[in-house]
C-alpha cells in the first residue's frame, strides 16, 4: 500500500524489450511490451504487458484511476488474457471488478493473501477512500513457481511475502514486477495487518537478490530500478545496510 521511501511520480511510458543471444546474433521471436501509468492518489504504478506477436495482454494491479487501460488496450488491438494482483491491498485491487467485467478473463491472485482480500474494502474505508466495488471471486490462487503463458512469453510467479502474507512478484523477460516489496531506495511496509519485517527482508535478499543484477524492477510505486542498484545502494537491504525491522 505504501512504501518506506518518498513516492516519486513518473509519466506514462511504454517500453519494448527483446530477448537476444549475442553470441550468435540470434534474436528469437520473444518480445514483450510494457505500458505503465501512475494512477490514483497513492501513486500506484499500473502495468499492462503484452506479447507483440499475438497481442495477448496482462494487466498487473489495476489501481484507483486505472480505468483508461481499457481504452488503451482497445486502441492497441490487444487481446486481454489475465488480470494479476501482486497482493490484496485495496489500492492494488481497486478496479479488479471493472476489468473482470469488461474483459471476462481470469483474475489471478496470490495464495496466502485470502484474508487481505476479504478485508480490502474495510481497509479502504478506514483509510478514507470510500467503499470500493468488491473484488470478484478469484479464478486462480497462484503460488511460487507457477507460470502463465502470454503468447510466446512466460510470466513466472515468485513468492515474496512480508509486505503481506502471500505477496508475490512476477518475473518476465521485461523484468520483475515487484508490487510493494522493493522500490528504488526503499522497501515495502510491514506494519500493516499480516506484515512481517524480517520475512520481507528475507524475501528480498534470498529471492530477489538471486536474480541477475541487470534485472529491471518495476515496483508498485515510484520509478523503475534494477536488482544491481538495490543490492548496492538500497539503505535497507543494500551491501552497507544495517537496518533491522
C-alpha atoms as a PDB file:
ATOM      1  CA  UNK A   1       0.000   0.000   0.000  1.00  0.00           C
ATOM      2  CA  UNK A   2       2.719   2.433   0.980  1.00  0.00           C
ATOM      3  CA  UNK A   3       6.490   2.348   0.798  1.00  0.00           C
ATOM      4  CA  UNK A   4       9.382   3.086   3.114  1.00  0.00           C
ATOM      5  CA  UNK A   5      10.540   5.805   0.748  1.00  0.00           C
ATOM      6  CA  UNK A   6       9.336   9.052  -0.745  1.00  0.00           C
ATOM      7  CA  UNK A   7       6.944   8.416  -3.634  1.00  0.00           C
ATOM      8  CA  UNK A   8       8.119   9.770  -6.960  1.00  0.00           C
ATOM      9  CA  UNK A   9       5.608  10.333  -9.731  1.00  0.00           C
ATOM     10  CA  UNK A  10       6.515   9.302 -13.258  1.00  0.00           C
ATOM     11  CA  UNK A  11       4.679   9.874 -16.505  1.00  0.00           C
ATOM     12  CA  UNK A  12       3.059   7.123 -18.534  1.00  0.00           C
ATOM     13  CA  UNK A  13       5.512   5.357 -20.779  1.00  0.00           C
ATOM     14  CA  UNK A  14       5.862   2.283 -22.928  1.00  0.00           C
ATOM     15  CA  UNK A  15       8.985   0.147 -23.191  1.00  0.00           C
ATOM     16  CA  UNK A  16       9.931  -2.608 -25.597  1.00  0.00           C
ATOM     17  CA  UNK A  17      12.193  -5.481 -24.638  1.00  0.00           C
ATOM     18  CA  UNK A  18      13.558  -8.243 -26.830  1.00  0.00           C
ATOM     19  CA  UNK A  19      15.474 -11.327 -25.762  1.00  0.00           C
ATOM     20  CA  UNK A  20      18.818 -11.659 -27.559  1.00  0.00           C
ATOM     21  CA  UNK A  21      21.559 -14.234 -27.817  1.00  0.00           C
ATOM     22  CA  UNK A  22      24.541 -12.060 -28.552  1.00  0.00           C
ATOM     23  CA  UNK A  23      26.960 -14.945 -29.062  1.00  0.00           C
ATOM     24  CA  UNK A  24      25.385 -15.957 -32.354  1.00  0.00           C
ATOM     25  CA  UNK A  25      23.335 -12.925 -33.242  1.00  0.00           C
ATOM     26  CA  UNK A  26      20.017 -14.760 -32.993  1.00  0.00           C
ATOM     27  CA  UNK A  27      17.046 -12.664 -31.987  1.00  0.00           C
ATOM     28  CA  UNK A  28      14.214 -15.033 -31.031  1.00  0.00           C
ATOM     29  CA  UNK A  29      10.626 -14.057 -31.632  1.00  0.00           C
ATOM     30  CA  UNK A  30      10.205 -13.241 -27.959  1.00  0.00           C
ATOM     31  CA  UNK A  31       9.228  -9.654 -27.469  1.00  0.00           C
ATOM     32  CA  UNK A  32       7.236  -8.092 -24.681  1.00  0.00           C
ATOM     33  CA  UNK A  33       5.987  -4.567 -24.355  1.00  0.00           C
ATOM     34  CA  UNK A  34       5.177  -2.763 -21.134  1.00  0.00           C
ATOM     35  CA  UNK A  35       2.896   0.230 -20.763  1.00  0.00           C
ATOM     36  CA  UNK A  36       2.948   1.962 -17.377  1.00  0.00           C
ATOM     37  CA  UNK A  37       0.767   4.637 -15.856  1.00  0.00           C
ATOM     38  CA  UNK A  38       0.871   6.203 -12.403  1.00  0.00           C
ATOM     39  CA  UNK A  39      -2.681   6.095 -11.096  1.00  0.00           C
ATOM     40  CA  UNK A  40      -4.655   7.424  -8.159  1.00  0.00           C
ATOM     41  CA  UNK A  41      -3.861   9.434  -5.043  1.00  0.00           C
ATOM     42  CA  UNK A  42      -1.323   6.890  -3.778  1.00  0.00           C
ATOM     43  CA  UNK A  43       0.758   6.986  -6.941  1.00  0.00           C
ATOM     44  CA  UNK A  44       0.249   3.343  -7.884  1.00  0.00           C
ATOM     45  CA  UNK A  45       2.096   2.013 -10.900  1.00  0.00           C
ATOM     46  CA  UNK A  46      -0.272   0.007 -13.081  1.00  0.00           C
ATOM     47  CA  UNK A  47       1.276  -2.172 -15.772  1.00  0.00           C
ATOM     48  CA  UNK A  48      -0.092  -3.583 -18.997  1.00  0.00           C
ATOM     49  CA  UNK A  49       2.247  -6.003 -20.724  1.00  0.00           C
ATOM     50  CA  UNK A  50       1.757  -7.871 -23.950  1.00  0.00           C
ATOM     51  CA  UNK A  51       3.377 -10.261 -26.371  1.00  0.00           C
ATOM     52  CA  UNK A  52       3.934  -8.396 -29.614  1.00  0.00           C
ATOM     53  CA  UNK A  53       3.357 -11.335 -31.924  1.00  0.00           C
ATOM     54  CA  UNK A  54      -0.001 -12.476 -30.516  1.00  0.00           C
ATOM     55  CA  UNK A  55      -1.113  -9.204 -28.848  1.00  0.00           C
ATOM     56  CA  UNK A  56      -2.087 -11.216 -25.763  1.00  0.00           C
ATOM     57  CA  UNK A  57      -2.036  -8.892 -22.746  1.00  0.00           C
ATOM     58  CA  UNK A  58      -1.955  -8.997 -18.949  1.00  0.00           C
ATOM     59  CA  UNK A  59      -2.846  -6.245 -16.506  1.00  0.00           C
ATOM     60  CA  UNK A  60      -0.996  -6.027 -13.185  1.00  0.00           C
ATOM     61  CA  UNK A  61      -2.527  -4.342 -10.114  1.00  0.00           C
ATOM     62  CA  UNK A  62      -5.431  -2.257 -11.535  1.00  0.00           C
ATOM     63  CA  UNK A  63      -5.394   0.598  -9.032  1.00  0.00           C
ATOM     64  CA  UNK A  64      -7.637   3.561  -8.350  1.00  0.00           C
ATOM     65  CA  UNK A  65      -7.869   5.608 -11.540  1.00  0.00           C
ATOM     66  CA  UNK A  66      -6.734   2.858 -13.922  1.00  0.00           C
ATOM     67  CA  UNK A  67      -9.929   2.817 -15.998  1.00  0.00           C
ATOM     68  CA  UNK A  68      -8.124   4.214 -19.049  1.00  0.00           C
ATOM     69  CA  UNK A  69      -6.275   0.949 -19.604  1.00  0.00           C
ATOM     70  CA  UNK A  70      -9.410  -0.472 -21.212  1.00  0.00           C
ATOM     71  CA  UNK A  71      -9.316   2.193 -23.941  1.00  0.00           C
ATOM     72  CA  UNK A  72      -5.555   1.808 -24.310  1.00  0.00           C
ATOM     73  CA  UNK A  73      -5.859  -1.957 -24.820  1.00  0.00           C
ATOM     74  CA  UNK A  74      -8.556  -1.429 -27.421  1.00  0.00           C
ATOM     75  CA  UNK A  75      -6.550   1.228 -29.258  1.00  0.00           C
ATOM     76  CA  UNK A  76      -3.545  -1.120 -29.442  1.00  0.00           C
ATOM     77  CA  UNK A  77      -5.761  -4.022 -30.573  1.00  0.00           C
ATOM     78  CA  UNK A  78      -4.644  -6.103 -27.624  1.00  0.00           C
ATOM     79  CA  UNK A  79      -6.268  -9.337 -26.533  1.00  0.00           C
ATOM     80  CA  UNK A  80      -6.590  -9.279 -22.722  1.00  0.00           C
ATOM     81  CA  UNK A  81      -5.802 -12.650 -21.183  1.00  0.00           C
ATOM     82  CA  UNK A  82      -5.168 -12.139 -17.444  1.00  0.00           C
ATOM     83  CA  UNK A  83      -5.608  -9.764 -14.533  1.00  0.00           C
ATOM     84  CA  UNK A  84      -2.846 -10.218 -11.939  1.00  0.00           C
ATOM     85  CA  UNK A  85      -2.567  -8.913  -8.380  1.00  0.00           C
ATOM     86  CA  UNK A  86       0.759  -8.900  -6.539  1.00  0.00           C
ATOM     87  CA  UNK A  87      -1.129  -8.691  -3.236  1.00  0.00           C
ATOM     88  CA  UNK A  88      -4.523  -7.876  -1.793  1.00  0.00           C
ATOM     89  CA  UNK A  89      -4.255  -4.282  -0.551  1.00  0.00           C
ATOM     90  CA  UNK A  90      -7.156  -2.160  -1.702  1.00  0.00           C
ATOM     91  CA  UNK A  91      -5.088   0.288  -3.735  1.00  0.00           C
ATOM     92  CA  UNK A  92      -3.766  -2.560  -5.907  1.00  0.00           C
ATOM     93  CA  UNK A  93      -7.091  -4.351  -6.499  1.00  0.00           C
ATOM     94  CA  UNK A  94      -9.443  -1.356  -6.700  1.00  0.00           C
ATOM     95  CA  UNK A  95     -10.526  -1.968 -10.300  1.00  0.00           C
ATOM     96  CA  UNK A  96     -10.452  -5.768 -10.345  1.00  0.00           C
ATOM     97  CA  UNK A  97     -14.214  -5.873 -10.744  1.00  0.00           C
ATOM     98  CA  UNK A  98     -14.254  -3.312 -13.556  1.00  0.00           C
ATOM     99  CA  UNK A  99     -11.696  -5.134 -15.692  1.00  0.00           C
ATOM    100  CA  UNK A 100     -13.083  -8.562 -14.884  1.00  0.00           C
ATOM    101  CA  UNK A 101     -16.487  -7.381 -16.104  1.00  0.00           C
ATOM    102  CA  UNK A 102     -15.030  -5.617 -19.149  1.00  0.00           C
ATOM    103  CA  UNK A 103     -12.641  -8.342 -20.295  1.00  0.00           C
ATOM    104  CA  UNK A 104     -14.044 -11.588 -18.813  1.00  0.00           C
ATOM    105  CA  UNK A 105     -10.567 -13.013 -18.230  1.00  0.00           C
ATOM    106  CA  UNK A 106      -9.124 -14.915 -15.244  1.00  0.00           C
ATOM    107  CA  UNK A 107      -8.316 -12.967 -12.093  1.00  0.00           C
ATOM    108  CA  UNK A 108      -5.086 -14.366 -10.647  1.00  0.00           C
ATOM    109  CA  UNK A 109      -4.146 -13.532  -7.059  1.00  0.00           C
ATOM    110  CA  UNK A 110      -1.550 -14.754  -4.561  1.00  0.00           C
ATOM    111  CA  UNK A 111      -2.349 -17.712  -2.358  1.00  0.00           C
ATOM    112  CA  UNK A 112      -1.893 -16.710   1.275  1.00  0.00           C
ATOM    113  CA  UNK A 113      -3.492 -13.282   0.869  1.00  0.00           C
ATOM    114  CA  UNK A 114      -7.081 -14.514   1.138  1.00  0.00           C
ATOM    115  CA  UNK A 115      -7.694 -12.609   4.386  1.00  0.00           C
ATOM    116  CA  UNK A 116      -6.162  -9.442   2.954  1.00  0.00           C
ATOM    117  CA  UNK A 117      -8.581  -9.605   0.022  1.00  0.00           C
ATOM    118  CA  UNK A 118     -11.545 -10.194   2.325  1.00  0.00           C
ATOM    119  CA  UNK A 119     -10.741  -7.103   4.373  1.00  0.00           C
ATOM    120  CA  UNK A 120      -9.707  -4.827   1.485  1.00  0.00           C
ATOM    121  CA  UNK A 121     -12.974  -2.883   1.261  1.00  0.00           C
ATOM    122  CA  UNK A 122     -12.999  -2.303   5.025  1.00  0.00           C
ATOM    123  CA  UNK A 123      -9.391  -1.111   4.859  1.00  0.00           C
ATOM    124  CA  UNK A 124     -10.253   1.327   2.067  1.00  0.00           C
ATOM    125  CA  UNK A 125     -12.991   2.875   4.197  1.00  0.00           C
ATOM    126  CA  UNK A 126     -10.740   3.088   7.244  1.00  0.00           C
ATOM    127  CA  UNK A 127      -8.135   4.957   5.184  1.00  0.00           C
ATOM    128  CA  UNK A 128     -10.764   7.428   3.969  1.00  0.00           C
ATOM    129  CA  UNK A 129     -11.097   6.186   0.382  1.00  0.00           C
ATOM    130  CA  UNK A 130     -14.773   5.283   0.497  1.00  0.00           C
ATOM    131  CA  UNK A 131     -16.254   1.897  -0.315  1.00  0.00           C
ATOM    132  CA  UNK A 132     -14.844   0.309  -3.465  1.00  0.00           C
ATOM    133  CA  UNK A 133     -16.668  -2.188  -5.613  1.00  0.00           C
ATOM    134  CA  UNK A 134     -15.874  -5.581  -4.123  1.00  0.00           C
ATOM    135  CA  UNK A 135     -13.245  -7.581  -5.941  1.00  0.00           C
ATOM    136  CA  UNK A 136     -14.881 -10.513  -7.753  1.00  0.00           C
ATOM    137  CA  UNK A 137     -14.142 -14.133  -6.878  1.00  0.00           C
ATOM    138  CA  UNK A 138     -10.588 -15.147  -7.653  1.00  0.00           C
ATOM    139  CA  UNK A 139     -10.228 -17.584 -10.550  1.00  0.00           C
ATOM    140  CA  UNK A 140      -6.699 -18.779  -9.734  1.00  0.00           C
ATOM    141  CA  UNK A 141      -4.812 -18.545  -6.450  1.00  0.00           C
ATOM    142  CA  UNK A 142      -1.194 -18.613  -7.616  1.00  0.00           C
ATOM    143  CA  UNK A 143       1.972 -19.567  -5.769  1.00  0.00           C
ATOM    144  CA  UNK A 144       5.723 -19.809  -6.076  1.00  0.00           C
ATOM    145  CA  UNK A 145       6.914 -21.359  -9.325  1.00  0.00           C
ATOM    146  CA  UNK A 146       3.611 -21.094 -11.168  1.00  0.00           C
ATOM    147  CA  UNK A 147       3.898 -19.973 -14.775  1.00  0.00           C
ATOM    148  CA  UNK A 148       1.394 -18.351 -17.108  1.00  0.00           C
ATOM    149  CA  UNK A 149       1.821 -18.132 -20.863  1.00  0.00           C
ATOM    150  CA  UNK A 150       1.371 -14.801 -22.594  1.00  0.00           C
ATOM    151  CA  UNK A 151       1.800 -15.609 -26.254  1.00  0.00           C
ATOM    152  CA  UNK A 152       5.405 -16.770 -26.549  1.00  0.00           C
ATOM    153  CA  UNK A 153       6.251 -15.221 -23.177  1.00  0.00           C
ATOM    154  CA  UNK A 154       6.125 -16.708 -19.694  1.00  0.00           C
ATOM    155  CA  UNK A 155       5.082 -14.917 -16.549  1.00  0.00           C
ATOM    156  CA  UNK A 156       6.708 -16.644 -13.570  1.00  0.00           C
ATOM    157  CA  UNK A 157       5.444 -16.292 -10.013  1.00  0.00           C
ATOM    158  CA  UNK A 158       7.999 -15.684  -7.245  1.00  0.00           C
ATOM    159  CA  UNK A 159       6.807 -15.824  -3.645  1.00  0.00           C
ATOM    160  CA  UNK A 160       7.884 -12.635  -1.837  1.00  0.00           C
ATOM    161  CA  UNK A 161       5.929 -12.436   1.453  1.00  0.00           C
ATOM    162  CA  UNK A 162       6.490  -9.853   4.146  1.00  0.00           C
ATOM    163  CA  UNK A 163       4.519  -6.821   2.998  1.00  0.00           C
ATOM    164  CA  UNK A 164       1.529  -9.174   3.102  1.00  0.00           C
ATOM    165  CA  UNK A 165       1.470 -12.893   3.947  1.00  0.00           C
ATOM    166  CA  UNK A 166       1.049 -14.082   0.354  1.00  0.00           C
ATOM    167  CA  UNK A 167       2.679 -11.296  -1.659  1.00  0.00           C
ATOM    168  CA  UNK A 168       4.166 -12.405  -4.985  1.00  0.00           C
ATOM    169  CA  UNK A 169       6.298 -10.826  -7.693  1.00  0.00           C
ATOM    170  CA  UNK A 170       6.011 -11.586 -11.404  1.00  0.00           C
ATOM    171  CA  UNK A 171       9.136 -12.256 -13.466  1.00  0.00           C
ATOM    172  CA  UNK A 172       9.165 -11.783 -17.254  1.00  0.00           C
ATOM    173  CA  UNK A 173      11.767 -11.143 -19.931  1.00  0.00           C
ATOM    174  CA  UNK A 174      10.965  -7.433 -19.476  1.00  0.00           C
ATOM    175  CA  UNK A 175      11.844  -7.530 -15.809  1.00  0.00           C
ATOM    176  CA  UNK A 176      10.401  -8.098 -12.355  1.00  0.00           C
ATOM    177  CA  UNK A 177       7.050  -6.658 -11.316  1.00  0.00           C
ATOM    178  CA  UNK A 178       7.669  -6.418  -7.592  1.00  0.00           C
ATOM    179  CA  UNK A 179       4.487  -4.921  -6.173  1.00  0.00           C
ATOM    180  CA  UNK A 180       5.221  -3.410  -2.763  1.00  0.00           C
ATOM    181  CA  UNK A 181       8.262  -5.498  -1.812  1.00  0.00           C
ATOM    182  CA  UNK A 182      11.119  -3.331  -3.037  1.00  0.00           C
ATOM    183  CA  UNK A 183      11.413   0.140  -4.535  1.00  0.00           C
ATOM    184  CA  UNK A 184      14.184   2.393  -5.721  1.00  0.00           C
ATOM    185  CA  UNK A 185      15.894   3.184  -2.434  1.00  0.00           C
ATOM    186  CA  UNK A 186      13.132   1.668  -0.340  1.00  0.00           C
ATOM    187  CA  UNK A 187      11.201  -1.392   0.767  1.00  0.00           C
ATOM    188  CA  UNK A 188       7.568  -2.101   1.483  1.00  0.00           C
ATOM    189  CA  UNK A 189       5.779  -1.501   4.746  1.00  0.00           C
ATOM    190  CA  UNK A 190       5.410  -4.346   7.199  1.00  0.00           C
ATOM    191  CA  UNK A 191       3.377  -2.597   9.903  1.00  0.00           C
ATOM    192  CA  UNK A 192       0.010  -3.279   8.249  1.00  0.00           C
ATOM    193  CA  UNK A 193      -2.070  -6.344   9.213  1.00  0.00           C
ATOM    194  CA  UNK A 194      -0.270  -9.509   8.155  1.00  0.00           C
ATOM    195  CA  UNK A 195       3.059  -7.768   7.570  1.00  0.00           C
ATOM    196  CA  UNK A 196       6.355  -9.226   8.759  1.00  0.00           C
ATOM    197  CA  UNK A 197       9.517  -7.135   8.503  1.00  0.00           C
ATOM    198  CA  UNK A 198      12.020  -9.947   8.918  1.00  0.00           C
ATOM    199  CA  UNK A 199      10.215 -12.040   6.313  1.00  0.00           C
ATOM    200  CA  UNK A 200      10.182  -9.056   3.962  1.00  0.00           C
ATOM    201  CA  UNK A 201      13.966  -8.694   4.171  1.00  0.00           C
ATOM    202  CA  UNK A 202      14.387 -12.429   3.662  1.00  0.00           C
ATOM    203  CA  UNK A 203      12.210 -12.302   0.535  1.00  0.00           C
ATOM    204  CA  UNK A 204      14.333  -9.540  -0.922  1.00  0.00           C
ATOM    205  CA  UNK A 205      17.727 -10.964  -0.039  1.00  0.00           C
ATOM    206  CA  UNK A 206      17.057 -14.640  -0.736  1.00  0.00           C
ATOM    207  CA  UNK A 207      14.565 -14.482  -3.600  1.00  0.00           C
ATOM    208  CA  UNK A 208      15.029 -11.211  -5.484  1.00  0.00           C
ATOM    209  CA  UNK A 209      18.743 -10.631  -4.988  1.00  0.00           C
ATOM    210  CA  UNK A 210      19.411 -14.018  -6.575  1.00  0.00           C
ATOM    211  CA  UNK A 211      18.222 -12.593  -9.896  1.00  0.00           C
ATOM    212  CA  UNK A 212      20.761 -11.106 -12.335  1.00  0.00           C
ATOM    213  CA  UNK A 213      21.913  -7.600 -11.430  1.00  0.00           C
ATOM    214  CA  UNK A 214      20.647  -6.364 -14.792  1.00  0.00           C
ATOM    215  CA  UNK A 215      17.037  -7.348 -13.998  1.00  0.00           C
ATOM    216  CA  UNK A 216      14.796  -4.309 -14.289  1.00  0.00           C
ATOM    217  CA  UNK A 217      12.471  -3.874 -11.318  1.00  0.00           C
ATOM    218  CA  UNK A 218       9.029  -2.392 -11.936  1.00  0.00           C
ATOM    219  CA  UNK A 219       7.708  -1.544  -8.445  1.00  0.00           C
ATOM    220  CA  UNK A 220       4.193  -0.821  -7.250  1.00  0.00           C
ATOM    221  CA  UNK A 221       5.115   2.810  -6.527  1.00  0.00           C
ATOM    222  CA  UNK A 222       7.895   5.069  -7.737  1.00  0.00           C
ATOM    223  CA  UNK A 223      10.352   4.798 -10.629  1.00  0.00           C
ATOM    224  CA  UNK A 224      11.928   1.620 -12.012  1.00  0.00           C
ATOM    225  CA  UNK A 225      15.250   0.391 -10.743  1.00  0.00           C
ATOM    226  CA  UNK A 226      17.436  -2.708 -11.139  1.00  0.00           C
ATOM    227  CA  UNK A 227      18.371  -5.553  -8.867  1.00  0.00           C
ATOM    228  CA  UNK A 228      22.015  -4.498  -9.063  1.00  0.00           C
ATOM    229  CA  UNK A 229      21.286  -0.919  -7.995  1.00  0.00           C
ATOM    230  CA  UNK A 230      19.308  -2.035  -4.968  1.00  0.00           C
ATOM    231  CA  UNK A 231      21.846  -4.680  -3.915  1.00  0.00           C
ATOM    232  CA  UNK A 232      24.459  -1.961  -3.864  1.00  0.00           C
ATOM    233  CA  UNK A 233      22.715   1.186  -2.646  1.00  0.00           C
ATOM    234  CA  UNK A 234      19.381   0.391  -1.018  1.00  0.00           C
ATOM    235  CA  UNK A 235      19.632   1.796   2.552  1.00  0.00           C
ATOM    236  CA  UNK A 236      17.504  -1.042   3.961  1.00  0.00           C
ATOM    237  CA  UNK A 237      18.885  -4.107   2.172  1.00  0.00           C
ATOM    238  CA  UNK A 238      21.959  -2.893   0.243  1.00  0.00           C
ATOM    239  CA  UNK A 239      25.506  -4.048   0.819  1.00  0.00           C
ATOM    240  CA  UNK A 240      26.140  -1.453   3.545  1.00  0.00           C
ATOM    241  CA  UNK A 241      22.716  -1.650   5.171  1.00  0.00           C
ATOM    242  CA  UNK A 242      22.488  -2.368   8.886  1.00  0.00           C
ATOM    243  CA  UNK A 243      18.722  -1.925   9.124  1.00  0.00           C
ATOM    244  CA  UNK A 244      16.641  -4.371  11.162  1.00  0.00           C
ATOM    245  CA  UNK A 245      12.835  -4.097  11.404  1.00  0.00           C
END
